[in-house]
Amino acid sequence: MSFFTLKTIALLSMLYDHIAYVWPAVAFGWAPEPLQQGLHYLGRIAAPIFLFSIANGYRHTRSVRRYALRLLLFACLAEQPYYWLFGDHGNILFTLLLGLLALRLLDWGNKCRPGLGHLAAGLLVVLAEVLALSEGKGRYILFILAFYLTEAWPRRKKLLLWLLLLPLGRWSFTWDILTQAAAGTLTGRWLRLWALNTMGPLLGVVLTFFYNGERGRSFPGDKYIWYAAYPLHLLLLAWAAG
């Protein structure tokens, strides 16, 4: 599976998820109840692929500085539409930018002294989690680091890691579920929400296992089109919703 194919899948998943947020009847109303539950998972594919794209992009970019500036530019452009649509600050492009910074700290620090890079990147993960700097907070930055560090792992080993890492990334939600289960108060609704928000992204993670290392289809200025699609679709949806 080429990088172009992965990005296309992620873009379509994101669009579906955001359309479902604005017009749930359009996204789910036509389907019977059991199918509606499954359709929610389609929107969870996007985030892991976007996080993977930073790890992959960092490995292949000619200039980390220009890469970071592109992310910063479009993150700033997307911030106001993101707020209009979701009523919150810190869109995912800022998260991707922080993830890129974590990767740079990892490599730079380890070149200076073994282990220093892991410490610096870990501190950034903690800081982003505690301060809630952007969407996904520290766990998304941790996931970017995991994609980067496990590139050469066999698929089975990667799968086992992510089966552990995804629930841990939602540690507070997972703890609530375990507490309710121990108390005998766990309901099917809460279990479905936990599965959607913790194991749902596993679908996107698994797709990254089939990346073949090829860029795939390209055209002039395509990198800017991918970036511009994010603030543009937020702006259109915010306008339609308001």
Protein backbone atom coordinates (compact mmCIF):
# COMPACT_ATOMS: atom_id res chain seq x y z
CA MET A 1 0.00 0.00 0.00
CA SER A 2 1.56 3.31 -1.07
CA PHE A 3 1.78 6.46 1.03
CA PHE A 4 -0.67 8.14 -1.36
CA THR A 5 -3.23 5.39 -0.72
CA LEU A 6 -2.81 5.65 3.04
CA LYS A 7 -3.25 9.44 2.98
CA THR A 8 -6.34 9.13 0.79
CA ILE A 9 -7.91 6.64 3.21
CA ALA A 10 -7.09 8.93 6.14
CA LEU A 11 -8.56 11.98 4.41
CA LEU A 12 -11.81 10.18 3.56
CA SER A 13 -12.06 8.80 7.10
CA MET A 14 -11.55 12.27 8.58
CA LEU A 15 -14.17 13.80 6.29
CA TYR A 16 -16.66 11.09 7.22
CA ASP A 17 -15.98 11.56 10.94
CA HIS A 18 -16.42 15.33 10.79
CA ILE A 19 -19.52 15.14 8.59
CA ALA A 20 -20.96 12.66 11.10
CA TYR A 21 -20.24 15.18 13.86
CA VAL A 22 -22.14 17.93 12.04
CA TRP A 23 -24.88 15.82 10.42
CA PRO A 24 -25.18 12.45 12.20
CA ALA A 25 -28.44 11.73 10.42
CA VAL A 26 -26.68 11.97 7.06
CA ALA A 27 -23.82 9.69 8.16
CA PHE A 28 -25.81 7.11 10.12
CA GLY A 29 -29.54 7.72 9.71
CA TRP A 30 -29.90 5.53 6.64
CA ALA A 31 -28.40 2.43 8.32
CA PRO A 32 -30.02 -0.07 10.69
CA GLU A 33 -28.91 0.14 14.33
CA PRO A 34 -26.28 -2.67 14.30
CA LEU A 35 -24.65 -1.17 11.21
CA GLN A 36 -24.68 2.31 12.74
CA GLN A 37 -22.45 1.04 15.55
CA GLY A 38 -19.98 -0.26 13.01
CA LEU A 39 -19.99 2.90 10.90
CA HIS A 40 -18.64 4.91 13.83
CA TYR A 41 -15.38 2.99 13.47
CA LEU A 42 -14.79 4.39 9.99
CA GLY A 43 -13.96 7.78 11.50
CA ARG A 44 -11.33 6.29 13.80
CA ILE A 45 -9.07 5.18 10.95
CA ALA A 46 -7.74 8.67 10.18
CA ALA A 47 -5.78 9.69 13.29
CA PRO A 48 -3.33 6.74 13.42
CA ILE A 49 -2.50 7.18 9.74
CA PHE A 50 -1.86 10.91 10.22
CA LEU A 51 0.42 10.10 13.17
CA PHE A 52 2.21 7.46 11.11
CA SER A 53 2.66 9.98 8.31
CA ILE A 54 4.74 12.22 10.60
CA ALA A 55 7.06 9.37 11.54
CA ASN A 56 7.38 8.39 7.89
CA GLY A 57 7.69 11.99 6.69
CA TYR A 58 10.41 12.77 9.23
CA ARG A 59 12.40 9.78 8.03
CA HIS A 60 12.27 10.92 4.40
CA THR A 61 12.13 14.73 4.53
CA ARG A 62 14.99 16.76 3.09
CA SER A 63 14.44 19.57 5.60
CA VAL A 64 12.88 19.14 9.03
CA ARG A 65 12.73 22.93 9.33
CA ARG A 66 10.64 23.39 6.17
CA TYR A 67 8.47 20.43 7.18
CA ALA A 68 7.82 22.05 10.57
CA LEU A 69 7.06 25.44 9.00
CA ARG A 70 4.47 23.88 6.69
CA LEU A 71 2.77 22.21 9.64
CA LEU A 72 2.86 25.44 11.64
CA LEU A 73 1.42 27.50 8.77
CA PHE A 74 -1.56 25.24 8.14
CA ALA A 75 -2.11 24.61 11.86
CA CYS A 76 -2.52 28.36 12.32
CA LEU A 77 -4.85 28.57 9.32
CA ALA A 78 -6.98 25.73 10.70
CA GLU A 79 -7.18 26.94 14.29
CA GLN A 80 -10.11 29.36 13.99
CA PRO A 81 -12.27 27.03 11.84
CA TYR A 82 -11.42 24.23 14.28
CA TYR A 83 -12.66 26.38 17.16
CA TRP A 84 -15.84 27.34 15.27
CA LEU A 85 -16.62 23.69 14.60
CA PHE A 86 -15.57 21.98 17.86
CA GLY A 87 -15.45 24.86 20.37
CA ASP A 88 -11.92 23.97 21.37
CA HIS A 89 -8.33 24.98 20.62
CA GLY A 90 -5.28 22.99 19.53
CA ASN A 91 -6.13 21.28 16.24
CA ILE A 92 -4.33 18.08 15.27
CA LEU A 93 -1.80 19.84 13.03
CA PHE A 94 -0.30 21.35 16.18
CA THR A 95 -0.12 17.80 17.58
CA LEU A 96 1.67 16.63 14.45
CA LEU A 97 4.09 19.54 14.78
CA LEU A 98 4.84 18.59 18.39
CA GLY A 99 5.32 15.00 17.27
CA LEU A 100 7.84 16.14 14.66
CA LEU A 101 9.65 18.11 17.37
CA ALA A 102 9.70 15.01 19.59
CA LEU A 103 11.33 12.98 16.82
CA ARG A 104 13.94 15.69 16.28
CA LEU A 105 14.66 15.81 20.02
CA LEU A 106 14.94 12.02 20.08
CA ASP A 107 17.59 11.86 17.37
CA TRP A 108 19.44 15.03 18.36
CA GLY A 109 19.58 14.13 22.05
CA ASN A 110 20.78 10.58 21.44
CA LYS A 111 23.57 11.87 19.21
CA CYS A 112 24.73 14.12 22.04
CA ARG A 113 24.49 11.41 24.69
CA PRO A 114 22.86 7.95 24.63
CA GLY A 115 19.44 8.07 26.27
CA LEU A 116 19.23 11.86 26.34
CA GLY A 117 16.96 11.92 23.30
CA HIS A 118 14.53 9.45 24.84
CA LEU A 119 14.42 11.56 27.99
CA ALA A 120 13.81 14.80 26.06
CA ALA A 121 11.08 13.26 23.89
CA GLY A 122 9.48 11.69 26.96
CA LEU A 123 9.40 15.03 28.76
CA LEU A 124 7.66 16.59 25.76
CA VAL A 125 5.05 13.80 25.84
CA VAL A 126 4.39 14.44 29.54
CA LEU A 127 4.25 18.20 29.05
CA ALA A 128 1.77 17.91 26.17
CA GLU A 129 -0.38 15.53 28.21
CA VAL A 130 -0.45 17.62 31.40
CA LEU A 131 -0.98 20.96 29.67
CA ALA A 132 -3.40 19.51 27.05
CA LEU A 133 -1.59 21.49 24.38
CA SER A 134 -3.49 20.09 21.40
CA GLU A 135 -5.79 17.33 20.15
CA GLY A 136 -4.77 13.92 21.42
CA LYS A 137 -2.46 15.55 23.99
CA GLY A 138 0.65 13.58 24.89
CA ARG A 139 -0.64 10.18 23.86
CA TYR A 140 -0.67 11.11 20.16
CA ILE A 141 2.95 12.26 20.40
CA LEU A 142 3.77 8.97 22.13
CA PHE A 143 2.10 7.12 19.25
CA ILE A 144 4.21 9.04 16.70
CA LEU A 145 7.34 7.98 18.57
CA ALA A 146 6.09 4.39 18.63
CA PHE A 147 5.53 4.38 14.86
CA TYR A 148 9.04 5.74 14.34
CA LEU A 149 10.85 3.39 16.70
CA THR A 150 9.08 0.20 15.59
CA GLU A 151 9.34 0.63 11.82
CA ALA A 152 11.46 -2.51 11.39
CA TRP A 153 9.44 -4.68 13.76
CA PRO A 154 7.50 -7.66 12.35
CA ARG A 155 3.75 -7.13 12.05
CA ARG A 156 2.85 -9.57 14.82
CA LYS A 157 5.12 -7.80 17.30
CA LYS A 158 3.73 -4.40 16.27
CA LEU A 159 0.17 -5.66 16.73
CA LEU A 160 0.91 -6.88 20.26
CA LEU A 161 2.45 -3.51 21.13
CA TRP A 162 -0.55 -1.54 19.87
CA LEU A 163 -3.03 -3.85 21.60
CA LEU A 164 -1.36 -2.71 24.82
CA LEU A 165 -0.53 0.87 23.85
CA LEU A 166 -3.97 1.99 22.66
CA PRO A 167 -5.83 1.15 25.91
CA LEU A 168 -2.96 2.66 27.91
CA GLY A 169 -3.24 5.81 25.80
CA ARG A 170 -6.80 6.12 27.09
CA TRP A 171 -5.73 5.17 30.60
CA SER A 172 -8.41 7.18 32.44
CA PHE A 173 -11.20 5.73 30.27
CA THR A 174 -9.75 2.23 30.61
CA TRP A 175 -9.52 2.63 34.40
CA ASP A 176 -13.16 3.75 34.56
CA ILE A 177 -14.21 0.68 32.57
CA LEU A 178 -12.23 -1.66 34.84
CA THR A 179 -13.65 0.04 37.93
CA GLN A 180 -17.22 -0.29 36.64
CA ALA A 181 -16.61 -3.93 35.70
CA ALA A 182 -15.29 -4.69 39.20
CA ALA A 183 -18.31 -2.98 40.76
CA GLY A 184 -20.75 -4.79 38.47
CA THR A 185 -22.10 -1.52 37.05
CA LEU A 186 -20.59 -1.74 33.58
CA THR A 187 -23.18 -1.24 30.82
CA GLY A 188 -23.03 -2.19 27.17
CA ARG A 189 -23.09 1.47 26.14
CA TRP A 190 -19.92 2.28 28.11
CA LEU A 191 -18.19 -0.82 26.80
CA ARG A 192 -19.01 0.14 23.21
CA LEU A 193 -17.69 3.68 23.82
CA TRP A 194 -14.48 2.25 25.25
CA ALA A 195 -14.03 -0.07 22.29
CA LEU A 196 -14.70 2.73 19.82
CA ASN A 197 -12.27 5.19 21.39
CA THR A 198 -9.49 2.79 22.40
CA MET A 199 -9.52 -0.13 20.00
CA GLY A 200 -11.25 1.66 17.11
CA PRO A 201 -7.98 3.35 16.03
CA LEU A 202 -6.43 -0.12 15.72
CA LEU A 203 -8.04 -0.30 12.27
CA GLY A 204 -5.91 2.62 11.13
CA VAL A 205 -2.81 1.23 12.84
CA VAL A 206 -3.15 -2.10 11.06
CA LEU A 207 -3.43 -0.37 7.68
CA THR A 208 -0.01 1.21 8.27
CA PHE A 209 1.47 -2.30 8.57
CA PHE A 210 0.85 -2.72 4.84
CA TYR A 211 2.76 0.37 3.77
CA ASN A 212 5.12 -0.73 1.00
CA GLY A 213 7.60 2.13 1.25
CA GLU A 214 6.45 3.67 -2.03
CA ARG A 215 5.27 7.26 -2.37
CA GLY A 216 2.62 6.34 -4.92
CA ARG A 217 0.80 8.75 -7.18
CA SER A 218 1.95 12.37 -7.11
CA PHE A 219 1.29 15.64 -8.93
CA PRO A 220 2.69 19.20 -8.79
CA GLY A 221 2.02 20.87 -5.45
CA ASP A 222 0.33 17.78 -4.03
CA LYS A 223 1.89 18.19 -0.56
CA TYR A 224 0.23 21.59 -0.16
CA ILE A 225 -3.13 20.25 -1.32
CA TRP A 226 -3.06 17.62 1.45
CA TYR A 227 -2.31 20.28 4.05
CA ALA A 228 -4.83 22.79 2.68
CA ALA A 229 -7.62 20.20 2.73
CA TYR A 230 -7.62 20.29 6.54
CA PRO A 231 -8.41 23.97 7.24
CA LEU A 232 -10.60 24.21 4.14
CA HIS A 233 -12.93 21.36 5.07
CA LEU A 234 -13.17 22.66 8.66
CA LEU A 235 -14.11 26.09 7.38
CA LEU A 236 -16.80 24.70 5.06
CA LEU A 237 -18.29 22.47 7.75
CA ALA A 238 -18.24 25.26 10.35
CA TRP A 239 -20.02 27.52 7.88
CA ALA A 240 -22.60 24.84 7.06
CA ALA A 241 -23.17 24.02 10.72
CA GLY A 242 -23.52 27.64 11.80
